[in-house]
Full PDB file with SEQRES, HELIX, SHEET, SSBOND, CRYST1, ORIGX, SCALE, CONECT and MASTER records, all heavy atoms in Angstrom:
SEQRES   1 A   39  ASN ARG GLY GLN GLY ILE SER SER PHE GLY ILE GLU SER          
SEQRES   2 A   39  LYS ASP ARG ALA ILE LEU GLU PHE LEU PRO ALA ASN LYS          
SEQRES   3 A   39  ALA TYR ARG ALA THR SER THR GLN GLY PHE ARG THR PHE          
HELIX    1 AA1 LYS A   14  ARG A   16  5                                   3    
HELIX    2 AA2 ALA A   24  GLN A   34  1                                  11    
SHEET    1 AA1 2 PHE A   9  GLY A  10  0                                        
SHEET    2 AA1 2 ALA A  17  LEU A  19 -1                                        
CRYST1    1.000    1.000    1.000  90.00  90.00  90.00 P 1           1          
ORIGX1      1.000000  0.000000  0.000000        0.00000                         
ORIGX2      0.000000  1.000000  0.000000        0.00000                         
ORIGX3      0.000000  0.000000  1.000000        0.00000                         
SCALE1      1.000000  0.000000  0.000000        0.00000                         
SCALE2      0.000000  1.000000  0.000000        0.00000                         
SCALE3      0.000000  0.000000  1.000000        0.00000                         
ATOM      1  N   ASN A   1      29.221   1.181  11.458  1.00  0.00           N  
ATOM      2  CA  ASN A   1      27.779   1.060  11.828  1.00  0.00           C  
ATOM      3  C   ASN A   1      26.934   1.933  10.918  1.00  0.00           C  
ATOM      4  O   ASN A   1      26.162   2.767  11.309  1.00  0.00           O  
ATOM      5  CB  ASN A   1      27.528   1.406  13.281  1.00  0.00           C  
ATOM      6  CG  ASN A   1      27.894   2.816  13.631  1.00  0.00           C  
ATOM      7  OD1 ASN A   1      28.792   3.432  13.046  1.00  0.00           O  
ATOM      8  ND2 ASN A   1      27.219   3.401  14.607  1.00  0.00           N  
ATOM      9  N   ARG A   2      27.061   1.702   9.606  1.00  0.00           N  
ATOM     10  CA  ARG A   2      26.283   2.355   8.599  1.00  0.00           C  
ATOM     11  C   ARG A   2      25.941   1.331   7.487  1.00  0.00           C  
ATOM     12  O   ARG A   2      26.746   0.426   7.244  1.00  0.00           O  
ATOM     13  CB  ARG A   2      27.051   3.543   7.976  1.00  0.00           C  
ATOM     14  CG  ARG A   2      27.339   4.679   8.954  1.00  0.00           C  
ATOM     15  CD  ARG A   2      26.096   5.386   9.405  1.00  0.00           C  
ATOM     16  NE  ARG A   2      26.348   6.505  10.289  1.00  0.00           N  
ATOM     17  CZ  ARG A   2      26.395   6.485  11.633  1.00  0.00           C  
ATOM     18  NH1 ARG A   2      26.168   5.317  12.231  1.00  0.00           N  
ATOM     19  NH2 ARG A   2      26.607   7.542  12.327  1.00  0.00           N  
ATOM     20  N   GLY A   3      24.837   1.543   6.807  1.00  0.00           N  
ATOM     21  CA  GLY A   3      24.451   0.653   5.702  1.00  0.00           C  
ATOM     22  C   GLY A   3      24.435  -0.819   6.183  1.00  0.00           C  
ATOM     23  O   GLY A   3      23.900  -1.155   7.222  1.00  0.00           O  
ATOM     24  N   GLN A   4      25.045  -1.693   5.411  1.00  0.00           N  
ATOM     25  CA  GLN A   4      25.095  -3.112   5.743  1.00  0.00           C  
ATOM     26  C   GLN A   4      26.423  -3.539   6.390  1.00  0.00           C  
ATOM     27  O   GLN A   4      26.823  -4.675   6.407  1.00  0.00           O  
ATOM     28  CB  GLN A   4      24.815  -3.975   4.524  1.00  0.00           C  
ATOM     29  CG  GLN A   4      23.381  -3.865   4.051  1.00  0.00           C  
ATOM     30  CD  GLN A   4      22.902  -5.064   3.193  1.00  0.00           C  
ATOM     31  OE1 GLN A   4      23.429  -6.151   3.290  1.00  0.00           O  
ATOM     32  NE2 GLN A   4      21.913  -4.815   2.369  1.00  0.00           N  
ATOM     33  N   GLY A   5      27.112  -2.495   6.944  1.00  0.00           N  
ATOM     34  CA  GLY A   5      28.246  -2.771   7.807  1.00  0.00           C  
ATOM     35  C   GLY A   5      29.615  -2.874   7.153  1.00  0.00           C  
ATOM     36  O   GLY A   5      30.497  -2.075   7.453  1.00  0.00           O  
ATOM     37  N   ILE A   6      29.788  -3.828   6.239  1.00  0.00           N  
ATOM     38  CA  ILE A   6      31.128  -4.027   5.693  1.00  0.00           C  
ATOM     39  C   ILE A   6      31.504  -2.908   4.734  1.00  0.00           C  
ATOM     40  O   ILE A   6      30.835  -2.642   3.723  1.00  0.00           O  
ATOM     41  CB  ILE A   6      31.179  -5.406   4.894  1.00  0.00           C  
ATOM     42  CG1 ILE A   6      30.826  -6.572   5.826  1.00  0.00           C  
ATOM     43  CG2 ILE A   6      32.589  -5.590   4.308  1.00  0.00           C  
ATOM     44  CD1 ILE A   6      31.693  -6.721   7.040  1.00  0.00           C  
ATOM     45  N   SER A   7      32.612  -2.236   5.062  1.00  0.00           N  
ATOM     46  CA  SER A   7      33.094  -1.101   4.248  1.00  0.00           C  
ATOM     47  C   SER A   7      34.124  -1.519   3.275  1.00  0.00           C  
ATOM     48  O   SER A   7      34.126  -1.090   2.113  1.00  0.00           O  
ATOM     49  CB  SER A   7      33.691  -0.066   5.224  1.00  0.00           C  
ATOM     50  OG  SER A   7      34.362   0.946   4.452  1.00  0.00           O  
ATOM     51  N   SER A   8      35.044  -2.414   3.667  1.00  0.00           N  
ATOM     52  CA  SER A   8      36.095  -2.869   2.765  1.00  0.00           C  
ATOM     53  C   SER A   8      36.660  -4.175   3.257  1.00  0.00           C  
ATOM     54  O   SER A   8      36.642  -4.485   4.453  1.00  0.00           O  
ATOM     55  CB  SER A   8      37.203  -1.825   2.638  1.00  0.00           C  
ATOM     56  OG  SER A   8      37.625  -1.399   3.916  1.00  0.00           O  
ATOM     57  N   PHE A   9      37.212  -4.965   2.343  1.00  0.00           N  
ATOM     58  CA  PHE A   9      37.857  -6.224   2.731  1.00  0.00           C  
ATOM     59  C   PHE A   9      38.811  -6.673   1.639  1.00  0.00           C  
ATOM     60  O   PHE A   9      38.693  -6.229   0.485  1.00  0.00           O  
ATOM     61  CB  PHE A   9      36.849  -7.356   3.042  1.00  0.00           C  
ATOM     62  CG  PHE A   9      35.992  -7.768   1.857  1.00  0.00           C  
ATOM     63  CD1 PHE A   9      36.328  -8.882   1.091  1.00  0.00           C  
ATOM     64  CD2 PHE A   9      34.839  -7.062   1.543  1.00  0.00           C  
ATOM     65  CE1 PHE A   9      35.570  -9.259   0.037  1.00  0.00           C  
ATOM     66  CE2 PHE A   9      34.013  -7.473   0.454  1.00  0.00           C  
ATOM     67  CZ  PHE A   9      34.409  -8.585  -0.274  1.00  0.00           C  
ATOM     68  N   GLY A  10      39.757  -7.482   2.027  1.00  0.00           N  
ATOM     69  CA  GLY A  10      40.795  -7.963   1.092  1.00  0.00           C  
ATOM     70  C   GLY A  10      41.811  -8.822   1.795  1.00  0.00           C  
ATOM     71  O   GLY A  10      41.604  -9.240   2.918  1.00  0.00           O  
ATOM     72  N   ILE A  11      42.929  -9.126   1.093  1.00  0.00           N  
ATOM     73  CA  ILE A  11      43.981  -9.931   1.679  1.00  0.00           C  
ATOM     74  C   ILE A  11      45.301  -9.192   1.675  1.00  0.00           C  
ATOM     75  O   ILE A  11      45.469  -8.245   0.883  1.00  0.00           O  
ATOM     76  CB  ILE A  11      44.114 -11.258   0.891  1.00  0.00           C  
ATOM     77  CG1 ILE A  11      44.463 -10.989  -0.559  1.00  0.00           C  
ATOM     78  CG2 ILE A  11      42.858 -12.113   1.021  1.00  0.00           C  
ATOM     79  CD1 ILE A  11      44.823 -12.263  -1.343  1.00  0.00           C  
ATOM     80  N   GLU A  12      46.180  -9.516   2.514  1.00  0.00           N  
ATOM     81  CA  GLU A  12      47.548  -9.033   2.593  1.00  0.00           C  
ATOM     82  C   GLU A  12      47.633  -7.548   2.952  1.00  0.00           C  
ATOM     83  O   GLU A  12      48.246  -7.173   3.949  1.00  0.00           O  
ATOM     84  CB  GLU A  12      48.273  -9.286   1.285  1.00  0.00           C  
ATOM     85  CG  GLU A  12      48.528 -10.753   1.003  1.00  0.00           C  
ATOM     86  CD  GLU A  12      49.275 -10.976  -0.292  1.00  0.00           C  
ATOM     87  OE1 GLU A  12      49.746  -9.981  -0.928  1.00  0.00           O  
ATOM     88  OE2 GLU A  12      49.457 -12.156  -0.700  1.00  0.00           O  
ATOM     89  N   SER A  13      47.125  -6.655   2.092  1.00  0.00           N  
ATOM     90  CA  SER A  13      47.326  -5.227   2.326  1.00  0.00           C  
ATOM     91  C   SER A  13      46.256  -4.435   1.566  1.00  0.00           C  
ATOM     92  O   SER A  13      45.409  -5.032   0.894  1.00  0.00           O  
ATOM     93  CB  SER A  13      48.707  -4.804   1.878  1.00  0.00           C  
ATOM     94  OG  SER A  13      48.823  -4.874   0.435  1.00  0.00           O  
ATOM     95  N   LYS A  14      46.318  -3.117   1.627  1.00  0.00           N  
ATOM     96  CA  LYS A  14      45.429  -2.254   0.863  1.00  0.00           C  
ATOM     97  C   LYS A  14      45.550  -2.489  -0.672  1.00  0.00           C  
ATOM     98  O   LYS A  14      44.596  -2.192  -1.412  1.00  0.00           O  
ATOM     99  CB  LYS A  14      45.681  -0.792   1.150  1.00  0.00           C  
ATOM    100  CG  LYS A  14      45.464  -0.383   2.575  1.00  0.00           C  
ATOM    101  CD  LYS A  14      45.831   1.102   2.772  1.00  0.00           C  
ATOM    102  CE  LYS A  14      45.726   1.498   4.184  1.00  0.00           C  
ATOM    103  NZ  LYS A  14      46.149   2.950   4.388  1.00  0.00           N  
ATOM    104  N   ASP A  15      46.699  -2.989  -1.105  1.00  0.00           N  
ATOM    105  CA  ASP A  15      46.920  -3.228  -2.525  1.00  0.00           C  
ATOM    106  C   ASP A  15      46.280  -4.535  -3.018  1.00  0.00           C  
ATOM    107  O   ASP A  15      46.364  -4.894  -4.168  1.00  0.00           O  
ATOM    108  CB  ASP A  15      48.417  -3.263  -2.837  1.00  0.00           C  
ATOM    109  CG  ASP A  15      49.055  -1.864  -2.729  1.00  0.00           C  
ATOM    110  OD1 ASP A  15      48.335  -0.888  -2.980  1.00  0.00           O  
ATOM    111  OD2 ASP A  15      50.259  -1.784  -2.421  1.00  0.00           O  
ATOM    112  N   ARG A  16      45.663  -5.293  -2.085  1.00  0.00           N  
ATOM    113  CA  ARG A  16      44.968  -6.530  -2.471  1.00  0.00           C  
ATOM    114  C   ARG A  16      43.530  -6.466  -2.012  1.00  0.00           C  
ATOM    115  O   ARG A  16      42.954  -7.429  -1.553  1.00  0.00           O  
ATOM    116  CB  ARG A  16      45.705  -7.752  -1.835  1.00  0.00           C  
ATOM    117  CG  ARG A  16      47.081  -8.024  -2.340  1.00  0.00           C  
ATOM    118  CD  ARG A  16      47.105  -8.489  -3.771  1.00  0.00           C  
ATOM    119  NE  ARG A  16      48.413  -8.845  -4.221  1.00  0.00           N  
ATOM    120  CZ  ARG A  16      49.256  -8.000  -4.829  1.00  0.00           C  
ATOM    121  NH1 ARG A  16      48.815  -6.795  -5.099  1.00  0.00           N  
ATOM    122  NH2 ARG A  16      50.406  -8.399  -5.234  1.00  0.00           N  
ATOM    123  N   ALA A  17      42.924  -5.281  -2.193  1.00  0.00           N  
ATOM    124  CA  ALA A  17      41.536  -5.099  -1.804  1.00  0.00           C  
ATOM    125  C   ALA A  17      40.556  -5.759  -2.797  1.00  0.00           C  
ATOM    126  O   ALA A  17      40.785  -5.725  -3.961  1.00  0.00           O  
ATOM    127  CB  ALA A  17      41.225  -3.618  -1.624  1.00  0.00           C  
ATOM    128  N   ILE A  18      39.469  -6.288  -2.275  1.00  0.00           N  
ATOM    129  CA  ILE A  18      38.363  -6.767  -3.101  1.00  0.00           C  
ATOM    130  C   ILE A  18      37.266  -5.687  -3.117  1.00  0.00           C  
ATOM    131  O   ILE A  18      36.695  -5.422  -4.156  1.00  0.00           O  
ATOM    132  CB  ILE A  18      37.810  -8.110  -2.548  1.00  0.00           C  
ATOM    133  CG1 ILE A  18      38.959  -9.183  -2.615  1.00  0.00           C  
ATOM    134  CG2 ILE A  18      36.580  -8.568  -3.348  1.00  0.00           C  
ATOM    135  CD1 ILE A  18      38.613 -10.478  -1.910  1.00  0.00           C  
ATOM    136  N   LEU A  19      37.031  -5.080  -1.994  1.00  0.00           N  
ATOM    137  CA  LEU A  19      36.212  -3.902  -1.858  1.00  0.00           C  
ATOM    138  C   LEU A  19      37.146  -2.792  -1.348  1.00  0.00           C  
ATOM    139  O   LEU A  19      37.778  -2.943  -0.288  1.00  0.00           O  
ATOM    140  CB  LEU A  19      35.050  -4.113  -0.907  1.00  0.00           C  
ATOM    141  CG  LEU A  19      34.063  -2.993  -0.718  1.00  0.00           C  
ATOM    142  CD1 LEU A  19      33.412  -2.601  -2.052  1.00  0.00           C  
ATOM    143  CD2 LEU A  19      32.987  -3.379   0.296  1.00  0.00           C  
ATOM    144  N   GLU A  20      37.253  -1.697  -2.102  1.00  0.00           N  
ATOM    145  CA  GLU A  20      38.252  -0.673  -1.859  1.00  0.00           C  
ATOM    146  C   GLU A  20      38.369  -0.243  -0.417  1.00  0.00           C  
ATOM    147  O   GLU A  20      37.332   0.031   0.264  1.00  0.00           O  
ATOM    148  CB  GLU A  20      38.003   0.529  -2.739  1.00  0.00           C  
ATOM    149  CG  GLU A  20      38.993   1.654  -2.545  1.00  0.00           C  
ATOM    150  CD  GLU A  20      38.629   2.943  -3.334  1.00  0.00           C  
ATOM    151  OE1 GLU A  20      37.638   2.918  -4.048  1.00  0.00           O  
ATOM    152  OE2 GLU A  20      39.364   3.931  -3.167  1.00  0.00           O  
ATOM    153  N   PHE A  21      39.601  -0.197   0.117  1.00  0.00           N  
ATOM    154  CA  PHE A  21      39.807   0.244   1.483  1.00  0.00           C  
ATOM    155  C   PHE A  21      39.571   1.761   1.562  1.00  0.00           C  
ATOM    156  O   PHE A  21      40.095   2.550   0.780  1.00  0.00           O  
ATOM    157  CB  PHE A  21      41.232  -0.055   1.940  1.00  0.00           C  
ATOM    158  CG  PHE A  21      41.493   0.465   3.344  1.00  0.00           C  
ATOM    159  CD1 PHE A  21      41.076  -0.245   4.451  1.00  0.00           C  
ATOM    160  CD2 PHE A  21      42.134   1.717   3.537  1.00  0.00           C  
ATOM    161  CE1 PHE A  21      41.298   0.240   5.712  1.00  0.00           C  
ATOM    162  CE2 PHE A  21      42.363   2.167   4.810  1.00  0.00           C  
ATOM    163  CZ  PHE A  21      41.966   1.442   5.950  1.00  0.00           C  
ATOM    164  N   LEU A  22      38.733   2.181   2.567  1.00  0.00           N  
ATOM    165  CA  LEU A  22      38.489   3.559   2.805  1.00  0.00           C  
ATOM    166  C   LEU A  22      38.738   3.866   4.280  1.00  0.00           C  
ATOM    167  O   LEU A  22      38.423   3.019   5.142  1.00  0.00           O  
ATOM    168  CB  LEU A  22      37.027   3.937   2.493  1.00  0.00           C  
ATOM    169  CG  LEU A  22      36.566   3.805   1.064  1.00  0.00           C  
ATOM    170  CD1 LEU A  22      35.065   4.003   0.943  1.00  0.00           C  
ATOM    171  CD2 LEU A  22      37.287   4.764   0.141  1.00  0.00           C  
ATOM    172  N   PRO A  23      39.352   5.016   4.589  1.00  0.00           N  
ATOM    173  CA  PRO A  23      39.449   5.411   5.998  1.00  0.00           C  
ATOM    174  C   PRO A  23      38.094   5.624   6.620  1.00  0.00           C  
ATOM    175  O   PRO A  23      37.117   5.827   5.881  1.00  0.00           O  
ATOM    176  CB  PRO A  23      40.280   6.705   5.937  1.00  0.00           C  
ATOM    177  CG  PRO A  23      40.075   7.211   4.586  1.00  0.00           C  
ATOM    178  CD  PRO A  23      39.862   6.061   3.675  1.00  0.00           C  
ATOM    179  N   ALA A  24      38.016   5.606   7.937  1.00  0.00           N  
ATOM    180  CA  ALA A  24      36.752   5.607   8.630  1.00  0.00           C  
ATOM    181  C   ALA A  24      35.844   6.797   8.203  1.00  0.00           C  
ATOM    182  O   ALA A  24      34.654   6.632   7.962  1.00  0.00           O  
ATOM    183  CB  ALA A  24      36.968   5.605  10.124  1.00  0.00           C  
ATOM    184  N   ASN A  25      36.414   8.017   8.133  1.00  0.00           N  
ATOM    185  CA  ASN A  25      35.580   9.166   7.856  1.00  0.00           C  
ATOM    186  C   ASN A  25      34.894   9.058   6.494  1.00  0.00           C  
ATOM    187  O   ASN A  25      33.777   9.518   6.301  1.00  0.00           O  
ATOM    188  CB  ASN A  25      36.401  10.469   7.990  1.00  0.00           C  
ATOM    189  CG  ASN A  25      37.532  10.532   6.955  1.00  0.00           C  
ATOM    190  OD1 ASN A  25      38.107   9.533   6.582  1.00  0.00           O  
ATOM    191  ND2 ASN A  25      37.875  11.748   6.510  1.00  0.00           N  
ATOM    192  N   LYS A  26      35.555   8.436   5.494  1.00  0.00           N  
ATOM    193  CA  LYS A  26      34.947   8.244   4.207  1.00  0.00           C  
ATOM    194  C   LYS A  26      34.020   7.039   4.226  1.00  0.00           C  
ATOM    195  O   LYS A  26      32.996   7.001   3.526  1.00  0.00           O  
ATOM    196  CB  LYS A  26      35.985   8.087   3.125  1.00  0.00           C  
ATOM    197  CG  LYS A  26      36.789   9.359   2.871  1.00  0.00           C  
ATOM    198  CD  LYS A  26      37.747   9.184   1.707  1.00  0.00           C  
ATOM    199  CE  LYS A  26      38.490  10.504   1.403  1.00  0.00           C  
ATOM    200  NZ  LYS A  26      39.484  10.345   0.284  1.00  0.00           N  
ATOM    201  N   ALA A  27      34.422   6.059   4.998  1.00  0.00           N  
ATOM    202  CA  ALA A  27      33.576   4.816   5.070  1.00  0.00           C  
ATOM    203  C   ALA A  27      32.176   5.101   5.609  1.00  0.00           C  
ATOM    204  O   ALA A  27      31.189   4.511   5.183  1.00  0.00           O  
ATOM    205  CB  ALA A  27      34.267   3.758   5.937  1.00  0.00           C  
ATOM    206  N   TYR A  28      32.089   5.990   6.619  1.00  0.00           N  
ATOM    207  CA  TYR A  28      30.772   6.356   7.129  1.00  0.00           C  
ATOM    208  C   TYR A  28      29.858   6.884   6.087  1.00  0.00           C  
ATOM    209  O   TYR A  28      28.638   6.664   6.117  1.00  0.00           O  
ATOM    210  CB  TYR A  28      30.925   7.387   8.284  1.00  0.00           C  
ATOM    211  CG  TYR A  28      31.770   6.929   9.458  1.00  0.00           C  
ATOM    212  CD1 TYR A  28      32.674   7.778  10.045  1.00  0.00           C  
ATOM    213  CD2 TYR A  28      31.627   5.657  10.009  1.00  0.00           C  
ATOM    214  CE1 TYR A  28      33.438   7.367  11.113  1.00  0.00           C  
ATOM    215  CE2 TYR A  28      32.403   5.222  11.067  1.00  0.00           C  
ATOM    216  CZ  TYR A  28      33.315   6.103  11.638  1.00  0.00           C  
ATOM    217  OH  TYR A  28      34.082   5.697  12.668  1.00  0.00           O  
ATOM    218  N   ARG A  29      30.392   7.625   5.126  1.00  0.00           N  
ATOM    219  CA  ARG A  29      29.608   8.209   4.103  1.00  0.00           C  
ATOM    220  C   ARG A  29      29.290   7.254   2.945  1.00  0.00           C  
ATOM    221  O   ARG A  29      28.234   7.299   2.314  1.00  0.00           O  
ATOM    222  CB  ARG A  29      30.271   9.433   3.537  1.00  0.00           C  
ATOM    223  CG  ARG A  29      30.594  10.524   4.554  1.00  0.00           C  
ATOM    224  CD  ARG A  29      30.995  11.856   3.865  1.00  0.00           C  
ATOM    225  NE  ARG A  29      32.138  11.750   3.031  1.00  0.00           N  
ATOM    226  CZ  ARG A  29      33.393  12.071   3.456  1.00  0.00           C  
ATOM    227  NH1 ARG A  29      33.603  12.448   4.698  1.00  0.00           N  
ATOM    228  NH2 ARG A  29      34.408  11.964   2.638  1.00  0.00           N  
ATOM    229  N   ALA A  30      30.245   6.394   2.641  1.00  0.00           N  
ATOM    230  CA  ALA A  30      30.184   5.582   1.388  1.00  0.00           C  
ATOM    231  C   ALA A  30      29.602   4.182   1.553  1.00  0.00           C  
ATOM    232  O   ALA A  30      29.112   3.595   0.573  1.00  0.00           O  
ATOM    233  CB  ALA A  30      31.581   5.486   0.779  1.00  0.00           C  
ATOM    234  N   THR A  31      29.611   3.656   2.750  1.00  0.00           N  
ATOM    235  CA  THR A  31      29.240   2.235   2.921  1.00  0.00           C  
ATOM    236  C   THR A  31      27.803   1.962   2.502  1.00  0.00           C  
ATOM    237  O   THR A  31      27.496   0.908   1.948  1.00  0.00           O  
ATOM    238  CB  THR A  31      29.464   1.804   4.399  1.00  0.00           C  
ATOM    239  OG1 THR A  31      30.831   1.956   4.703  1.00  0.00           O  
ATOM    240  CG2 THR A  31      29.076   0.330   4.561  1.00  0.00           C  
ATOM    241  N   SER A  32      26.899   2.882   2.744  1.00  0.00           N  
ATOM    242  CA  SER A  32      25.470   2.701   2.373  1.00  0.00           C  
ATOM    243  C   SER A  32      25.268   2.550   0.902  1.00  0.00           C  
ATOM    244  O   SER A  32      24.328   1.927   0.465  1.00  0.00           O  
ATOM    245  CB  SER A  32      24.594   3.831   2.949  1.00  0.00           C  
ATOM    246  OG  SER A  32      24.668   3.877   4.349  1.00  0.00           O  
ATOM    247  N   THR A  33      26.165   3.145   0.094  1.00  0.00           N  
ATOM    248  CA  THR A  33      25.949   3.098  -1.365  1.00  0.00           C  
ATOM    249  C   THR A  33      26.928   2.150  -2.056  1.00  0.00           C  
ATOM    250  O   THR A  33      26.604   1.529  -3.053  1.00  0.00           O  
ATOM    251  CB  THR A  33      26.078   4.523  -1.964  1.00  0.00           C  
ATOM    252  OG1 THR A  33      27.344   5.093  -1.576  1.00  0.00           O  
ATOM    253  CG2 THR A  33      24.966   5.398  -1.496  1.00  0.00           C  
ATOM    254  N   GLN A  34      28.168   2.060  -1.546  1.00  0.00           N  
ATOM    255  CA  GLN A  34      29.220   1.284  -2.181  1.00  0.00           C  
ATOM    256  C   GLN A  34      29.434  -0.094  -1.596  1.00  0.00           C  
ATOM    257  O   GLN A  34      30.112  -0.951  -2.157  1.00  0.00           O  
ATOM    258  CB  GLN A  34      30.576   2.029  -2.175  1.00  0.00           C  
ATOM    259  CG  GLN A  34      30.575   3.304  -2.959  1.00  0.00           C  
ATOM    260  CD  GLN A  34      31.841   4.075  -2.871  1.00  0.00           C  
ATOM    261  OE1 GLN A  34      31.882   5.273  -3.106  1.00  0.00           O  
ATOM    262  NE2 GLN A  34      32.930   3.387  -2.583  1.00  0.00           N  
ATOM    263  N   GLY A  35      28.844  -0.330  -0.429  1.00  0.00           N  
ATOM    264  CA  GLY A  35      28.928  -1.635   0.241  1.00  0.00           C  
ATOM    265  C   GLY A  35      27.835  -2.566  -0.251  1.00  0.00           C  
ATOM    266  O   GLY A  35      27.149  -2.338  -1.225  1.00  0.00           O  
ATOM    267  N   PHE A  36      27.666  -3.684   0.513  1.00  0.00           N  
ATOM    268  CA  PHE A  36      26.629  -4.616   0.116  1.00  0.00           C  
ATOM    269  C   PHE A  36      25.223  -3.963   0.176  1.00  0.00           C  
ATOM    270  O   PHE A  36      24.938  -3.199   1.082  1.00  0.00           O  
ATOM    271  CB  PHE A  36      26.641  -5.842   1.107  1.00  0.00           C  
ATOM    272  CG  PHE A  36      27.783  -6.742   0.869  1.00  0.00           C  
ATOM    273  CD1 PHE A  36      28.924  -6.614   1.720  1.00  0.00           C  
ATOM    274  CD2 PHE A  36      27.814  -7.663  -0.141  1.00  0.00           C  
ATOM    275  CE1 PHE A  36      30.018  -7.463   1.565  1.00  0.00           C  
ATOM    276  CE2 PHE A  36      28.902  -8.512  -0.323  1.00  0.00           C  
ATOM    277  CZ  PHE A  36      30.004  -8.424   0.548  1.00  0.00           C  
ATOM    278  N   ARG A  37      24.374  -4.348  -0.765  1.00  0.00           N  
ATOM    279  CA  ARG A  37      23.031  -3.765  -0.806  1.00  0.00           C  
ATOM    280  C   ARG A  37      22.048  -4.871  -1.207  1.00  0.00           C  
ATOM    281  O   ARG A  37      22.356  -5.822  -1.928  1.00  0.00           O  
ATOM    282  CB  ARG A  37      22.950  -2.607  -1.842  1.00  0.00           C  
ATOM    283  CG  ARG A  37      23.888  -1.488  -1.465  1.00  0.00           C  
ATOM    284  CD  ARG A  37      23.817  -0.331  -2.429  1.00  0.00           C  
ATOM    285  NE  ARG A  37      22.554   0.416  -2.245  1.00  0.00           N  
ATOM    286  CZ  ARG A  37      22.273   1.540  -2.911  1.00  0.00           C  
ATOM    287  NH1 ARG A  37      23.128   2.012  -3.786  1.00  0.00           N  
ATOM    288  NH2 ARG A  37      21.159   2.165  -2.704  1.00  0.00           N  
ATOM    289  N   THR A  38      20.786  -4.688  -0.747  1.00  0.00           N  
ATOM    290  CA  THR A  38      19.709  -5.642  -1.022  1.00  0.00           C  
ATOM    291  C   THR A  38      18.510  -4.890  -1.463  1.00  0.00           C  
ATOM    292  O   THR A  38      18.095  -3.893  -0.858  1.00  0.00           O  
ATOM    293  CB  THR A  38      19.351  -6.412   0.280  1.00  0.00           C  
ATOM    294  OG1 THR A  38      20.520  -6.967   0.834  1.00  0.00           O  
ATOM    295  CG2 THR A  38      18.314  -7.497   0.003  1.00  0.00           C  
ATOM    296  N   PHE A  39      17.899  -5.360  -2.575  1.00  0.00           N  
ATOM    297  CA  PHE A  39      16.685  -4.667  -3.112  1.00  0.00           C  
ATOM    298  C   PHE A  39      15.560  -5.689  -3.203  1.00  0.00           C  
ATOM    299  O   PHE A  39      15.798  -6.780  -3.712  1.00  0.00           O  
ATOM    300  CB  PHE A  39      16.969  -4.077  -4.483  1.00  0.00           C  
ATOM    301  CG  PHE A  39      18.052  -3.011  -4.486  1.00  0.00           C  
ATOM    302  CD1 PHE A  39      19.386  -3.323  -4.732  1.00  0.00           C  
ATOM    303  CD2 PHE A  39      17.714  -1.685  -4.206  1.00  0.00           C  
ATOM    304  CE1 PHE A  39      20.343  -2.350  -4.708  1.00  0.00           C  
ATOM    305  CE2 PHE A  39      18.686  -0.726  -4.160  1.00  0.00           C  
ATOM    306  CZ  PHE A  39      20.006  -0.997  -4.413  1.00  0.00           C  
TER     307      PHE A  39                                                      
MASTER        0    0    0    2    2    0    0    6  306    1    0    3          
END                                                                             
């Protein structure tokens, strides 16, 4: 529940990420800048 929501996604496992998998504590900090953005 930060930024535009989606922190990471991919297929199969962490080794097939399209947007890098981050643990929750890092995701709270990074999603607003590294996730989807609209200007």
